PDB file of N, CA and C in Angstrom:
ATOM      1  N   MET A   1      73.371 105.954  90.703  1.00  0.00           N
ATOM      2  CA  MET A   1      74.469 107.416  90.547  1.00  0.00           C
ATOM      3  C   MET A   1      73.542 108.215  90.766  1.00  0.00           C
ATOM      4  N   THR A   2      73.635 109.489  91.188  1.00  0.00           N
ATOM      5  CA  THR A   2      72.768 110.792  91.030  1.00  0.00           C
ATOM      6  C   THR A   2      74.037 111.934  90.780  1.00  0.00           C
ATOM      7  N   VAL A   3      72.486 112.100  90.831  1.00  0.00           N
ATOM      8  CA  VAL A   3      72.567 114.174  89.413  1.00  0.00           C
ATOM      9  C   VAL A   3      74.158 114.753  89.826  1.00  0.00           C
ATOM     10  N   LEU A   4      74.137 115.116  91.318  1.00  0.00           N
ATOM     11  CA  LEU A   4      75.548 115.242  92.124  1.00  0.00           C
ATOM     12  C   LEU A   4      76.795 114.671  91.727  1.00  0.00           C
ATOM     13  N   ASP A   5      76.475 112.819  91.450  1.00  0.00           N
ATOM     14  CA  ASP A   5      77.751 112.198  91.222  1.00  0.00           C
ATOM     15  C   ASP A   5      77.898 112.094  89.736  1.00  0.00           C
ATOM     16  N   LEU A   6      77.418 112.104  89.114  1.00  0.00           N
ATOM     17  CA  LEU A   6      77.642 113.152  87.222  1.00  0.00           C
ATOM     18  C   LEU A   6      78.398 113.751  87.278  1.00  0.00           C
ATOM     19  N   CYS A   7      77.599 114.519  87.843  1.00  0.00           N
ATOM     20  CA  CYS A   7      77.836 116.857  87.530  1.00  0.00           C
ATOM     21  C   CYS A   7      79.945 116.740  88.106  1.00  0.00           C
ATOM     22  N   SER A   8      79.999 115.892  89.300  1.00  0.00           N
ATOM     23  CA  SER A   8      81.777 115.974  90.363  1.00  0.00           C
ATOM     24  C   SER A   8      82.509 115.156  89.363  1.00  0.00           C
ATOM     25  N   TYR A   9      82.030 114.309  88.036  1.00  0.00           N
ATOM     26  CA  TYR A   9      82.874 113.339  87.631  1.00  0.00           C
ATOM     27  C   TYR A   9      82.735 113.595  86.393  1.00  0.00           C
ATOM     28  N   LEU A  10      82.056 114.850  85.914  1.00  0.00           N
ATOM     29  CA  LEU A  10      82.290 115.506  84.885  1.00  0.00           C
ATOM     30  C   LEU A  10      83.079 116.829  85.611  1.00  0.00           C
ATOM     31  N   GLY A  11      83.066 116.980  86.515  1.00  0.00           N
ATOM     32  CA  GLY A  11      83.987 118.713  86.756  1.00  0.00           C
ATOM     33  C   GLY A  11      85.167 117.624  86.622  1.00  0.00           C
ATOM     34  N   LEU A  12      85.874 117.028  87.497  1.00  0.00           N
ATOM     35  CA  LEU A  12      86.763 115.866  87.690  1.00  0.00           C
ATOM     36  C   LEU A  12      87.461 115.212  85.997  1.00  0.00           C
ATOM     37  N   GLY A  13      86.389 114.598  85.728  1.00  0.00           N
ATOM     38  CA  GLY A  13      87.626 114.797  83.747  1.00  0.00           C
ATOM     39  C   GLY A  13      88.016 116.028  83.116  1.00  0.00           C
ATOM     40  N   ALA A  14      87.091 117.060  83.234  1.00  0.00           N
ATOM     41  CA  ALA A  14      87.102 118.050  82.746  1.00  0.00           C
ATOM     42  C   ALA A  14      88.804 118.738  83.893  1.00  0.00           C
ATOM     43  N   ALA A  15      88.682 118.783  85.049  1.00  0.00           N
ATOM     44  CA  ALA A  15      89.466 119.305  84.772  1.00  0.00           C
ATOM     45  C   ALA A  15      91.189 118.633  84.453  1.00  0.00           C
ATOM     46  N   GLY A  16      90.806 117.184  84.500  1.00  0.00           N
ATOM     47  CA  GLY A  16      92.147 115.808  84.551  1.00  0.00           C
ATOM     48  C   GLY A  16      93.210 116.040  83.024  1.00  0.00           C
ATOM     49  N   ALA A  17      91.290 116.898  81.737  1.00  0.00           N
ATOM     50  CA  ALA A  17      91.569 117.323  80.335  1.00  0.00           C
ATOM     51  C   ALA A  17      92.718 118.418  80.267  1.00  0.00           C
ATOM     52  N   ALA A  18      91.915 119.742  81.463  1.00  0.00           N
ATOM     53  CA  ALA A  18      92.467 121.044  81.806  1.00  0.00           C
ATOM     54  C   ALA A  18      93.747 120.935  81.740  1.00  0.00           C
ATOM     55  N   ALA A  19      94.551 120.216  83.195  1.00  0.00           N
ATOM     56  CA  ALA A  19      95.800 119.279  83.134  1.00  0.00           C
ATOM     57  C   ALA A  19      96.682 119.095  82.201  1.00  0.00           C
ATOM     58  N   ILE A  20      95.991 118.545  81.729  1.00  0.00           N
ATOM     59  CA  ILE A  20      96.540 117.217  80.560  1.00  0.00           C
ATOM     60  C   ILE A  20      96.216 118.432  78.525  1.00  0.00           C
ATOM     61  N   ASN A  21      96.238 118.913  79.488  1.00  0.00           N
ATOM     62  CA  ASN A  21      95.885 120.300  77.755  1.00  0.00           C
ATOM     63  C   ASN A  21      97.306 121.758  78.194  1.00  0.00           C
ATOM     64  N   LEU A  22      96.942 121.673  79.374  1.00  0.00           N
ATOM     65  CA  LEU A  22      97.826 122.762  79.747  1.00  0.00           C
ATOM     66  C   LEU A  22      99.768 122.017  79.538  1.00  0.00           C
ATOM     67  N   LEU A  23      99.753 120.659  80.346  1.00  0.00           N
ATOM     68  CA  LEU A  23     100.891 120.694  79.414  1.00  0.00           C
ATOM     69  C   LEU A  23     101.706 119.715  78.225  1.00  0.00           C
ATOM     70  N   LEU A  24     100.835 120.186  77.470  1.00  0.00           N
ATOM     71  CA  LEU A  24     100.926 119.252  76.643  1.00  0.00           C
ATOM     72  C   LEU A  24     100.842 120.663  75.523  1.00  0.00           C
ATOM     73  N   GLY A  25     100.690 121.764  76.152  1.00  0.00           N
ATOM     74  CA  GLY A  25     100.759 123.657  76.136  1.00  0.00           C
ATOM     75  C   GLY A  25     102.202 123.692  76.394  1.00  0.00           C
ATOM     76  N   LEU A  26     103.106 123.184  77.479  1.00  0.00           N
ATOM     77  CA  LEU A  26     104.127 123.446  77.659  1.00  0.00           C
ATOM     78  C   LEU A  26     105.164 122.610  77.161  1.00  0.00           C
ATOM     79  N   LEU A  27     104.934 121.718  76.959  1.00  0.00           N
ATOM     80  CA  LEU A  27     105.742 121.042  75.953  1.00  0.00           C
ATOM     81  C   LEU A  27     105.723 121.690  74.709  1.00  0.00           C
ATOM     82  N   ILE A  28     104.537 122.075  73.808  1.00  0.00           N
ATOM     83  CA  ILE A  28     104.731 122.551  72.350  1.00  0.00           C
ATOM     84  C   ILE A  28     105.329 123.751  72.810  1.00  0.00           C
ATOM     85  N   ALA A  29     105.369 124.446  74.030  1.00  0.00           N
ATOM     86  CA  ALA A  29     106.103 125.957  73.430  1.00  0.00           C
ATOM     87  C   ALA A  29     107.365 125.806  73.984  1.00  0.00           C
ATOM     88  N   LEU A  30     107.694 124.613  74.310  1.00  0.00           N
ATOM     89  CA  LEU A  30     109.728 124.518  74.975  1.00  0.00           C
ATOM     90  C   LEU A  30     109.769 123.569  73.837  1.00  0.00           C
ATOM     91  N   ARG A  31     109.491 122.895  73.078  1.00  0.00           N
ATOM     92  CA  ARG A  31     109.579 122.938  71.132  1.00  0.00           C
ATOM     93  C   ARG A  31     109.937 122.038  71.512  1.00  0.00           C
ATOM     94  N   PHE A  32     109.226 120.397  72.128  1.00  0.00           N
ATOM     95  CA  PHE A  32     110.031 119.289  72.388  1.00  0.00           C
ATOM     96  C   PHE A  32     109.334 118.463  70.675  1.00  0.00           C
ATOM     97  N   SER A  33     109.994 117.827  70.253  1.00  0.00           N
ATOM     98  CA  SER A  33     110.312 117.125  69.903  1.00  0.00           C
ATOM     99  C   SER A  33     109.600 115.439  69.280  1.00  0.00           C
ATOM    100  N   PRO A  34     109.007 114.520  69.523  1.00  0.00           N
ATOM    101  CA  PRO A  34     108.998 113.419  69.492  1.00  0.00           C
ATOM    102  C   PRO A  34     109.631 113.012  68.296  1.00  0.00           C
ATOM    103  N   LEU A  35     109.895 113.202  67.675  1.00  0.00           N
ATOM    104  CA  LEU A  35     110.439 112.549  66.447  1.00  0.00           C
ATOM    105  C   LEU A  35     112.028 112.686  67.677  1.00  0.00           C
ATOM    106  N   ARG A  36     112.539 112.748  67.847  1.00  0.00           N
ATOM    107  CA  ARG A  36     113.750 112.741  68.263  1.00  0.00           C
ATOM    108  C   ARG A  36     114.143 111.580  69.447  1.00  0.00           C
ATOM    109  N   PHE A  37     112.664 111.501  69.957  1.00  0.00           N
ATOM    110  CA  PHE A  37     112.918 110.123  71.005  1.00  0.00           C
ATOM    111  C   PHE A  37     111.940 109.085  70.719  1.00  0.00           C
ATOM    112  N   TRP A  38     111.115 109.440  69.505  1.00  0.00           N
ATOM    113  CA  TRP A  38     110.197 107.909  69.304  1.00  0.00           C
ATOM    114  C   TRP A  38     110.236 108.281  67.493  1.00  0.00           C
ATOM    115  N   PRO A  39     111.120 107.538  66.465  1.00  0.00           N
ATOM    116  CA  PRO A  39     111.411 108.500  65.511  1.00  0.00           C
ATOM    117  C   PRO A  39     110.714 107.642  64.767  1.00  0.00           C
ATOM    118  N   HIS A  40     110.793 106.428  65.229  1.00  0.00           N
ATOM    119  CA  HIS A  40     109.305 105.376  64.266  1.00  0.00           C
ATOM    120  C   HIS A  40     107.791 105.753  65.219  1.00  0.00           C
ATOM    121  N   ARG A  41     107.444 106.201  65.988  1.00  0.00           N
ATOM    122  CA  ARG A  41     105.923 107.248  66.340  1.00  0.00           C
ATOM    123  C   ARG A  41     105.874 108.815  66.256  1.00  0.00           C
ATOM    124  N   ARG A  42     104.620 107.829  64.768  1.00  0.00           N
ATOM    125  CA  ARG A  42     104.840 109.865  65.160  1.00  0.00           C
ATOM    126  C   ARG A  42     103.248 110.344  65.524  1.00  0.00           C
ATOM    127  N   ILE A  43     103.525 111.300  66.494  1.00  0.00           N
ATOM    128  CA  ILE A  43     102.849 112.112  67.516  1.00  0.00           C
ATOM    129  C   ILE A  43     102.470 113.118  67.224  1.00  0.00           C
ATOM    130  N   ASN A  44     101.595 112.914  66.751  1.00  0.00           N
ATOM    131  CA  ASN A  44     100.768 114.818  66.292  1.00  0.00           C
ATOM    132  C   ASN A  44     100.248 115.369  67.656  1.00  0.00           C
ATOM    133  N   LEU A  45     100.857 116.592  68.026  1.00  0.00           N
ATOM    134  CA  LEU A  45     101.242 116.971  69.622  1.00  0.00           C
ATOM    135  C   LEU A  45     100.598 118.287  69.517  1.00  0.00           C
ATOM    136  N   PHE A  46     100.473 119.281  68.274  1.00  0.00           N
ATOM    137  CA  PHE A  46      99.606 120.322  68.074  1.00  0.00           C
ATOM    138  C   PHE A  46      97.662 119.574  68.195  1.00  0.00           C
ATOM    139  N   GLY A  47      97.697 118.973  66.608  1.00  0.00           N
ATOM    140  CA  GLY A  47      96.504 118.091  67.401  1.00  0.00           C
ATOM    141  C   GLY A  47      95.995 117.270  68.551  1.00  0.00           C
ATOM    142  N   LEU A  48      96.544 116.158  69.910  1.00  0.00           N
ATOM    143  CA  LEU A  48      96.551 116.117  71.355  1.00  0.00           C
ATOM    144  C   LEU A  48      96.518 117.520  71.444  1.00  0.00           C
ATOM    145  N   HIS A  49      96.684 118.353  71.224  1.00  0.00           N
ATOM    146  CA  HIS A  49      96.713 119.660  72.263  1.00  0.00           C
ATOM    147  C   HIS A  49      95.746 119.939  72.137  1.00  0.00           C
ATOM    148  N   GLN A  50      94.921 119.615  70.679  1.00  0.00           N
ATOM    149  CA  GLN A  50      94.158 121.252  70.048  1.00  0.00           C
ATOM    150  C   GLN A  50      92.335 119.792  70.895  1.00  0.00           C
ATOM    151  N   TRP A  51      92.233 118.478  70.373  1.00  0.00           N
ATOM    152  CA  TRP A  51      91.472 117.478  71.135  1.00  0.00           C
ATOM    153  C   TRP A  51      90.966 117.328  72.876  1.00  0.00           C
ATOM    154  N   THR A  52      92.395 117.331  73.596  1.00  0.00           N
ATOM    155  CA  THR A  52      92.235 117.327  75.062  1.00  0.00           C
ATOM    156  C   THR A  52      91.160 118.697  75.062  1.00  0.00           C
ATOM    157  N   ALA A  53      91.583 120.053  74.323  1.00  0.00           N
ATOM    158  CA  ALA A  53      91.248 122.015  74.816  1.00  0.00           C
ATOM    159  C   ALA A  53      89.400 121.641  74.496  1.00  0.00           C
ATOM    160  N   TYR A  54      89.579 120.369  72.999  1.00  0.00           N
ATOM    161  CA  TYR A  54      87.814 120.805  73.150  1.00  0.00           C
ATOM    162  C   TYR A  54      87.151 119.097  73.884  1.00  0.00           C
ATOM    163  N   ALA A  55      87.710 118.742  75.097  1.00  0.00           N
ATOM    164  CA  ALA A  55      87.244 117.761  75.887  1.00  0.00           C
ATOM    165  C   ALA A  55      86.632 117.946  76.775  1.00  0.00           C
ATOM    166  N   ALA A  56      87.960 119.202  77.386  1.00  0.00           N
ATOM    167  CA  ALA A  56      88.201 120.016  78.936  1.00  0.00           C
ATOM    168  C   ALA A  56      87.106 120.836  78.701  1.00  0.00           C
ATOM    169  N   SER A  57      86.411 122.000  77.520  1.00  0.00           N
ATOM    170  CA  SER A  57      85.595 122.231  76.833  1.00  0.00           C
ATOM    171  C   SER A  57      84.469 121.058  77.344  1.00  0.00           C
ATOM    172  N   ARG A  58      84.090 120.452  76.078  1.00  0.00           N
ATOM    173  CA  ARG A  58      82.745 120.371  76.913  1.00  0.00           C
ATOM    174  C   ARG A  58      82.533 119.964  77.645  1.00  0.00           C
ATOM    175  N   ALA A  59      83.112 118.377  78.901  1.00  0.00           N
ATOM    176  CA  ALA A  59      83.324 117.763  79.718  1.00  0.00           C
ATOM    177  C   ALA A  59      82.497 119.945  80.705  1.00  0.00           C
ATOM    178  N   SER A  60      83.135 120.288  80.677  1.00  0.00           N
ATOM    179  CA  SER A  60      82.612 121.585  81.598  1.00  0.00           C
ATOM    180  C   SER A  60      81.511 122.054  81.386  1.00  0.00           C
ATOM    181  N   ARG A  61      81.449 122.265  80.074  1.00  0.00           N
ATOM    182  CA  ARG A  61      79.670 122.722  79.662  1.00  0.00           C
ATOM    183  C   ARG A  61      79.229 122.066  80.258  1.00  0.00           C
ATOM    184  N   HIS A  62      79.499 120.820  79.659  1.00  0.00           N
ATOM    185  CA  HIS A  62      78.037 119.740  80.423  1.00  0.00           C
ATOM    186  C   HIS A  62      78.284 119.389  81.671  1.00  0.00           C
ATOM    187  N   SER A  63      79.286 119.964  82.471  1.00  0.00           N
ATOM    188  CA  SER A  63      79.220 119.334  83.921  1.00  0.00           C
ATOM    189  C   SER A  63      78.563 120.405  84.486  1.00  0.00           C
ATOM    190  N   SER A  64      78.542 121.338  84.360  1.00  0.00           N
ATOM    191  CA  SER A  64      77.583 122.616  84.727  1.00  0.00           C
ATOM    192  C   SER A  64      75.890 122.692  84.011  1.00  0.00           C
ATOM    193  N   ALA A  65      75.238 121.730  82.954  1.00  0.00           N
ATOM    194  CA  ALA A  65      74.292 122.219  82.803  1.00  0.00           C
ATOM    195  C   ALA A  65      73.466 120.990  83.135  1.00  0.00           C
ATOM    196  N   VAL A  66      74.289 120.142  83.891  1.00  0.00           N
ATOM    197  CA  VAL A  66      73.767 119.291  84.434  1.00  0.00           C
ATOM    198  C   VAL A  66      73.918 119.055  85.743  1.00  0.00           C
ATOM    199  N   LEU A  67      74.047 120.673  86.902  1.00  0.00           N
ATOM    200  CA  LEU A  67      73.799 121.208  87.445  1.00  0.00           C
ATOM    201  C   LEU A  67      71.975 121.404  87.307  1.00  0.00           C
ATOM    202  N   LEU A  68      71.749 122.065  86.333  1.00  0.00           N
ATOM    203  CA  LEU A  68      70.532 122.494  86.476  1.00  0.00           C
ATOM    204  C   LEU A  68      69.322 121.739  86.332  1.00  0.00           C
ATOM    205  N   PHE A  69      69.550 120.280  86.424  1.00  0.00           N
ATOM    206  CA  PHE A  69      68.850 119.438  86.481  1.00  0.00           C
ATOM    207  C   PHE A  69      68.887 118.253  87.651  1.00  0.00           C
ATOM    208  N   VAL A  70      69.639 119.398  89.057  1.00  0.00           N
ATOM    209  CA  VAL A  70      69.965 119.140  90.302  1.00  0.00           C
ATOM    210  C   VAL A  70      68.083 119.490  90.795  1.00  0.00           C
ATOM    211  N   PRO A  71      67.861 118.586  91.461  1.00  0.00           N
ATOM    212  CA  PRO A  71      66.186 118.871  92.693  1.00  0.00           C
ATOM    213  C   PRO A  71      66.055 119.785  93.352  1.00  0.00           C
ATOM    214  N   ALA A  72      67.284 119.598  94.911  1.00  0.00           N
ATOM    215  CA  ALA A  72      67.651 120.985  95.734  1.00  0.00           C
ATOM    216  C   ALA A  72      67.900 121.361  95.263  1.00  0.00           C
ATOM    217  N   ARG A  73      67.779 123.276  95.593  1.00  0.00           N
ATOM    218  CA  ARG A  73      68.621 123.504  94.764  1.00  0.00           C
ATOM    219  C   ARG A  73      69.410 124.596  95.630  1.00  0.00           C
ATOM    220  N   ILE A  74      69.308 124.742  96.868  1.00  0.00           N
ATOM    221  CA  ILE A  74      70.579 125.793  98.217  1.00  0.00           C
ATOM    222  C   ILE A  74      71.549 126.527  98.116  1.00  0.00           C
ATOM    223  N   PHE A  75      71.850 126.951  97.743  1.00  0.00           N
ATOM    224  CA  PHE A  75      72.910 128.283  97.125  1.00  0.00           C
ATOM    225  C   PHE A  75      73.025 129.527  98.126  1.00  0.00           C
ATOM    226  N   GLY A  76      73.552 129.222  99.132  1.00  0.00           N
ATOM    227  CA  GLY A  76      73.635 130.488  99.424  1.00  0.00           C
ATOM    228  C   GLY A  76      74.595 129.971 101.031  1.00  0.00           C
TER     229      GLY A  76
END
């Protein structure tokens, strides 16, 4: 596994976490209630939304930081 492979996987994870975060934000905006559909399972949508936002932020920062360690820097 090269450094670019690691960077690409981190970027893919960041994009996936951002997509999940967007969908959770849409559920929150549309006032989706998980208690209505799963009365015996308490799911904190706002907490999950915040957790995925932190994960997307960290993954995007780490993927750009990994690019600093690529030996051949070719821009252009």
